[in-house]
Amino acid sequence: MKITTKWFGDQFNVGLANGDKPEFLSIKGCRIKSGEKGEFISWPAQKKDDGTYWRHAWGSDEFQAAVIREAKKSQPQDTRPARQKDEAWQASAPAQAVEDDVPW
């Protein structure tokens, strides 16, 4: 089985195919997270009314490890979430507030 990943910002899609044949399964909106036991795949999920999450997909530990390896190989250099990029930009911006140009 061939595992492919394609990044979109801080998320990626996982594709599964038999050899060179077209993908037969695509899982969209995955993320790599760090937990107490190490890195894992945060599969797409929906938050329920009771605060727990209903996962739309799930993979075994062995499958997750293979996906993480493939995702890290294809990961672009700067896939920080937009908020982190904004914070980095603000930290590098001059100390003078942008609002100083407002004429009132």
N, C-alpha and C. Protein backbone atom coordinates (compact mmCIF):
# COMPACT_ATOMS: atom_id res chain seq x y z
N MET A 1 0.85 -1.18 0.00
CA MET A 1 0.00 0.00 0.00
C MET A 1 0.89 1.24 0.00
N LYS A 2 0.52 2.21 -0.79
CA LYS A 2 1.26 3.46 -0.89
C LYS A 2 0.52 4.55 -0.11
N ILE A 3 1.25 5.23 0.79
CA ILE A 3 0.70 6.33 1.58
C ILE A 3 1.26 7.63 1.03
N THR A 4 0.38 8.59 0.73
CA THR A 4 0.82 9.90 0.29
C THR A 4 0.22 10.95 1.21
N THR A 5 0.90 12.08 1.32
CA THR A 5 0.37 13.19 2.10
C THR A 5 0.54 14.47 1.31
N LYS A 6 -0.42 15.38 1.47
CA LYS A 6 -0.36 16.68 0.82
C LYS A 6 -0.75 17.72 1.86
N TRP A 7 0.14 18.69 2.06
CA TRP A 7 -0.05 19.70 3.10
C TRP A 7 -0.86 20.90 2.61
N PHE A 8 -1.67 21.45 3.54
CA PHE A 8 -2.44 22.67 3.34
C PHE A 8 -2.32 23.47 4.63
N GLY A 9 -1.30 24.33 4.72
CA GLY A 9 -1.07 25.06 5.97
C GLY A 9 -0.58 24.11 7.04
N ASP A 10 -1.28 24.07 8.18
CA ASP A 10 -0.87 23.18 9.27
C ASP A 10 -1.63 21.85 9.24
N GLN A 11 -2.40 21.61 8.19
CA GLN A 11 -3.14 20.35 8.03
C GLN A 11 -2.66 19.63 6.78
N PHE A 12 -2.94 18.34 6.73
CA PHE A 12 -2.58 17.58 5.53
C PHE A 12 -3.64 16.53 5.25
N ASN A 13 -3.66 16.08 4.01
CA ASN A 13 -4.54 15.00 3.58
C ASN A 13 -3.71 13.74 3.44
N VAL A 14 -4.30 12.61 3.79
CA VAL A 14 -3.65 11.31 3.66
C VAL A 14 -4.33 10.57 2.51
N GLY A 15 -3.54 10.06 1.59
CA GLY A 15 -4.07 9.28 0.48
C GLY A 15 -3.53 7.87 0.52
N LEU A 16 -4.36 6.90 0.20
CA LEU A 16 -3.95 5.49 0.14
C LEU A 16 -4.20 4.96 -1.25
N ALA A 17 -3.22 4.22 -1.77
CA ALA A 17 -3.34 3.65 -3.11
C ALA A 17 -2.62 2.32 -3.16
N ASN A 18 -2.99 1.49 -4.12
CA ASN A 18 -2.28 0.24 -4.38
C ASN A 18 -1.25 0.50 -5.45
N GLY A 19 0.01 0.61 -5.05
CA GLY A 19 1.08 0.85 -6.01
C GLY A 19 0.88 2.14 -6.77
N ASP A 20 0.93 2.04 -8.11
CA ASP A 20 0.79 3.22 -8.97
C ASP A 20 -0.65 3.51 -9.37
N LYS A 21 -1.59 2.76 -8.83
CA LYS A 21 -3.00 2.98 -9.15
C LYS A 21 -3.50 4.25 -8.45
N PRO A 22 -4.62 4.81 -8.90
CA PRO A 22 -5.17 6.00 -8.25
C PRO A 22 -5.55 5.72 -6.79
N GLU A 23 -5.58 6.77 -6.01
CA GLU A 23 -5.97 6.64 -4.60
C GLU A 23 -7.36 6.03 -4.49
N PHE A 24 -7.51 5.13 -3.54
CA PHE A 24 -8.83 4.57 -3.27
C PHE A 24 -9.42 5.14 -1.99
N LEU A 25 -8.61 5.89 -1.21
CA LEU A 25 -9.10 6.50 0.02
C LEU A 25 -8.33 7.78 0.28
N SER A 26 -9.05 8.82 0.68
CA SER A 26 -8.42 10.10 1.05
C SER A 26 -9.04 10.56 2.36
N ILE A 27 -8.18 10.89 3.32
CA ILE A 27 -8.63 11.41 4.61
C ILE A 27 -8.12 12.85 4.70
N LYS A 28 -9.04 13.79 4.80
CA LYS A 28 -8.68 15.21 4.76
C LYS A 28 -8.73 15.84 6.14
N GLY A 29 -7.83 16.80 6.36
CA GLY A 29 -7.85 17.58 7.59
C GLY A 29 -7.11 16.94 8.75
N CYS A 30 -6.02 16.25 8.49
CA CYS A 30 -5.23 15.61 9.55
C CYS A 30 -4.15 16.56 10.05
N ARG A 31 -3.70 16.33 11.28
CA ARG A 31 -2.63 17.13 11.88
C ARG A 31 -1.73 16.22 12.70
N ILE A 32 -0.49 16.63 12.86
CA ILE A 32 0.43 15.92 13.76
C ILE A 32 0.41 16.67 15.08
N LYS A 33 0.14 15.95 16.16
CA LYS A 33 0.08 16.54 17.50
C LYS A 33 1.08 15.82 18.40
N SER A 34 1.47 16.47 19.49
CA SER A 34 2.34 15.85 20.49
C SER A 34 1.53 15.60 21.75
N GLY A 35 1.68 14.41 22.29
CA GLY A 35 0.97 14.04 23.52
C GLY A 35 1.94 13.44 24.53
N GLU A 36 1.39 12.95 25.61
CA GLU A 36 2.21 12.35 26.67
C GLU A 36 3.03 11.17 26.17
N LYS A 37 2.50 10.43 25.19
CA LYS A 37 3.18 9.24 24.68
C LYS A 37 3.93 9.52 23.38
N GLY A 38 4.05 10.79 22.99
CA GLY A 38 4.75 11.14 21.76
C GLY A 38 3.80 11.70 20.72
N GLU A 39 4.28 11.74 19.48
CA GLU A 39 3.48 12.30 18.39
C GLU A 39 2.39 11.32 17.95
N PHE A 40 1.29 11.90 17.48
CA PHE A 40 0.18 11.11 16.96
C PHE A 40 -0.54 11.91 15.90
N ILE A 41 -1.38 11.24 15.13
CA ILE A 41 -2.20 11.90 14.12
C ILE A 41 -3.51 12.32 14.76
N SER A 42 -3.83 13.59 14.61
CA SER A 42 -5.15 14.08 15.00
C SER A 42 -6.02 13.97 13.76
N TRP A 43 -6.84 12.94 13.74
CA TRP A 43 -7.72 12.68 12.60
C TRP A 43 -8.88 13.66 12.63
N PRO A 44 -9.56 13.87 11.51
CA PRO A 44 -10.72 14.78 11.52
C PRO A 44 -11.77 14.28 12.51
N ALA A 45 -12.35 15.22 13.25
CA ALA A 45 -13.34 14.86 14.27
C ALA A 45 -14.34 15.99 14.44
N GLN A 46 -15.43 15.67 15.10
CA GLN A 46 -16.47 16.66 15.38
C GLN A 46 -16.73 16.65 16.89
N LYS A 47 -16.79 17.84 17.47
CA LYS A 47 -17.05 17.94 18.90
C LYS A 47 -18.53 17.73 19.18
N LYS A 48 -18.83 16.83 20.11
CA LYS A 48 -20.22 16.54 20.45
C LYS A 48 -20.68 17.49 21.55
N ASP A 49 -21.98 17.49 21.84
CA ASP A 49 -22.56 18.37 22.85
C ASP A 49 -21.98 18.14 24.24
N ASP A 50 -21.54 16.91 24.52
CA ASP A 50 -20.99 16.62 25.84
C ASP A 50 -19.50 16.97 25.97
N GLY A 51 -18.92 17.57 24.92
CA GLY A 51 -17.53 18.00 24.96
C GLY A 51 -16.53 16.97 24.46
N THR A 52 -16.97 15.76 24.21
CA THR A 52 -16.09 14.74 23.66
C THR A 52 -16.07 14.84 22.14
N TYR A 53 -15.12 14.17 21.53
CA TYR A 53 -14.98 14.24 20.07
C TYR A 53 -15.35 12.91 19.43
N TRP A 54 -16.02 12.99 18.29
CA TRP A 54 -16.35 11.83 17.47
C TRP A 54 -15.41 11.84 16.29
N ARG A 55 -14.47 10.88 16.27
CA ARG A 55 -13.49 10.83 15.18
C ARG A 55 -14.14 10.27 13.92
N HIS A 56 -13.84 10.90 12.80
CA HIS A 56 -14.36 10.45 11.51
C HIS A 56 -13.48 9.36 10.90
N ALA A 57 -12.26 9.25 11.40
CA ALA A 57 -11.32 8.23 10.91
C ALA A 57 -10.43 7.83 12.09
N TRP A 58 -9.81 6.70 11.96
CA TRP A 58 -8.92 6.21 13.01
C TRP A 58 -7.91 5.29 12.36
N GLY A 59 -6.69 5.27 12.87
CA GLY A 59 -5.66 4.38 12.36
C GLY A 59 -4.92 3.72 13.50
N SER A 60 -4.44 2.52 13.27
CA SER A 60 -3.66 1.80 14.29
C SER A 60 -2.35 2.55 14.57
N ASP A 61 -1.67 2.18 15.65
CA ASP A 61 -0.40 2.81 15.99
C ASP A 61 0.62 2.65 14.86
N GLU A 62 0.66 1.47 14.27
CA GLU A 62 1.60 1.20 13.18
C GLU A 62 1.28 2.07 11.96
N PHE A 63 0.00 2.19 11.63
CA PHE A 63 -0.40 3.03 10.50
C PHE A 63 -0.10 4.49 10.78
N GLN A 64 -0.38 4.95 12.00
CA GLN A 64 -0.10 6.34 12.35
C GLN A 64 1.39 6.64 12.22
N ALA A 65 2.23 5.72 12.66
CA ALA A 65 3.68 5.92 12.56
C ALA A 65 4.11 6.05 11.10
N ALA A 66 3.53 5.23 10.22
CA ALA A 66 3.86 5.30 8.80
C ALA A 66 3.38 6.62 8.20
N VAL A 67 2.19 7.09 8.60
CA VAL A 67 1.67 8.36 8.10
C VAL A 67 2.54 9.52 8.59
N ILE A 68 2.94 9.49 9.85
CA ILE A 68 3.79 10.55 10.40
C ILE A 68 5.11 10.62 9.64
N ARG A 69 5.72 9.46 9.37
CA ARG A 69 6.98 9.44 8.61
C ARG A 69 6.79 10.08 7.23
N GLU A 70 5.73 9.70 6.54
CA GLU A 70 5.46 10.24 5.20
C GLU A 70 5.13 11.72 5.26
N ALA A 71 4.34 12.13 6.25
CA ALA A 71 3.95 13.53 6.38
C ALA A 71 5.16 14.41 6.65
N LYS A 72 6.07 13.95 7.47
CA LYS A 72 7.26 14.74 7.79
C LYS A 72 8.17 14.87 6.57
N LYS A 73 8.21 13.84 5.73
CA LYS A 73 9.02 13.92 4.51
C LYS A 73 8.47 14.97 3.55
N SER A 74 7.15 15.09 3.47
CA SER A 74 6.53 16.00 2.51
C SER A 74 6.16 17.36 3.10
N GLN A 75 6.42 17.55 4.40
CA GLN A 75 6.01 18.78 5.08
C GLN A 75 6.82 19.99 4.60
N PRO A 76 6.15 21.06 4.17
CA PRO A 76 6.87 22.28 3.82
C PRO A 76 7.58 22.84 5.05
N GLN A 77 8.57 23.68 4.83
CA GLN A 77 9.36 24.23 5.94
C GLN A 77 8.54 25.07 6.91
N ASP A 78 7.61 25.89 6.41
CA ASP A 78 6.87 26.80 7.29
C ASP A 78 5.39 26.45 7.28
N THR A 79 5.00 25.52 8.17
CA THR A 79 3.60 25.14 8.26
C THR A 79 3.01 25.52 9.62
N ARG A 80 3.59 26.57 10.22
CA ARG A 80 3.05 27.03 11.50
C ARG A 80 1.62 27.53 11.30
N PRO A 81 0.77 27.36 12.29
CA PRO A 81 -0.59 27.90 12.18
C PRO A 81 -0.55 29.41 11.94
N ALA A 82 -1.57 29.94 11.28
CA ALA A 82 -1.62 31.35 10.94
C ALA A 82 -1.44 32.23 12.17
N ARG A 83 -1.99 31.84 13.29
CA ARG A 83 -1.87 32.64 14.51
C ARG A 83 -0.41 32.79 14.91
N GLN A 84 0.36 31.72 14.84
CA GLN A 84 1.77 31.79 15.18
C GLN A 84 2.52 32.68 14.20
N LYS A 85 2.16 32.63 12.91
CA LYS A 85 2.78 33.49 11.93
C LYS A 85 2.47 34.95 12.25
N ASP A 86 1.22 35.25 12.63
CA ASP A 86 0.83 36.61 12.98
C ASP A 86 1.62 37.09 14.19
N GLU A 87 1.77 36.22 15.20
CA GLU A 87 2.51 36.60 16.40
C GLU A 87 3.97 36.86 16.07
N ALA A 88 4.55 36.05 15.18
CA ALA A 88 5.94 36.25 14.78
C ALA A 88 6.07 37.58 14.03
N TRP A 89 5.10 37.90 13.17
CA TRP A 89 5.13 39.17 12.44
C TRP A 89 5.02 40.33 13.41
N GLN A 90 4.10 40.23 14.37
CA GLN A 90 3.92 41.32 15.32
C GLN A 90 5.17 41.54 16.15
N ALA A 91 5.86 40.46 16.50
CA ALA A 91 7.08 40.58 17.29
C ALA A 91 8.18 41.27 16.50
N SER A 92 8.18 41.10 15.18
CA SER A 92 9.21 41.73 14.36
C SER A 92 8.81 43.13 13.88
N ALA A 93 7.56 43.54 14.11
CA ALA A 93 7.08 44.85 13.67
C ALA A 93 7.69 45.94 14.55
N PRO A 94 7.80 47.15 14.01
CA PRO A 94 8.33 48.25 14.82
C PRO A 94 7.44 48.50 16.04
N ALA A 95 8.03 49.07 17.08
CA ALA A 95 7.30 49.31 18.32
C ALA A 95 6.18 50.32 18.15
N GLN A 96 6.30 51.22 17.19
CA GLN A 96 5.27 52.22 16.96
C GLN A 96 3.99 51.55 16.47
N ALA A 97 2.88 51.90 17.05
CA ALA A 97 1.61 51.31 16.67
C ALA A 97 1.19 51.77 15.29
N VAL A 98 0.55 50.89 14.54
CA VAL A 98 0.06 51.22 13.22
C VAL A 98 -1.00 52.33 13.29
N GLU A 99 -1.71 52.37 14.39
CA GLU A 99 -2.81 53.34 14.54
C GLU A 99 -2.33 54.76 14.70
N ASP A 100 -1.02 55.01 14.81
CA ASP A 100 -0.50 56.37 14.95
C ASP A 100 -0.77 57.20 13.71
N ASP A 101 -1.02 56.55 12.57
CA ASP A 101 -1.27 57.26 11.33
C ASP A 101 -2.71 57.74 11.21
N VAL A 102 -3.59 57.31 12.11
CA VAL A 102 -5.00 57.70 12.04
C VAL A 102 -5.11 59.18 12.38
N PRO A 103 -5.77 60.00 11.51
CA PRO A 103 -5.76 61.46 11.69
C PRO A 103 -6.67 61.99 12.79
N TRP A 104 -7.34 61.23 13.57
CA TRP A 104 -8.19 61.81 14.61
C TRP A 104 -7.68 61.55 15.98
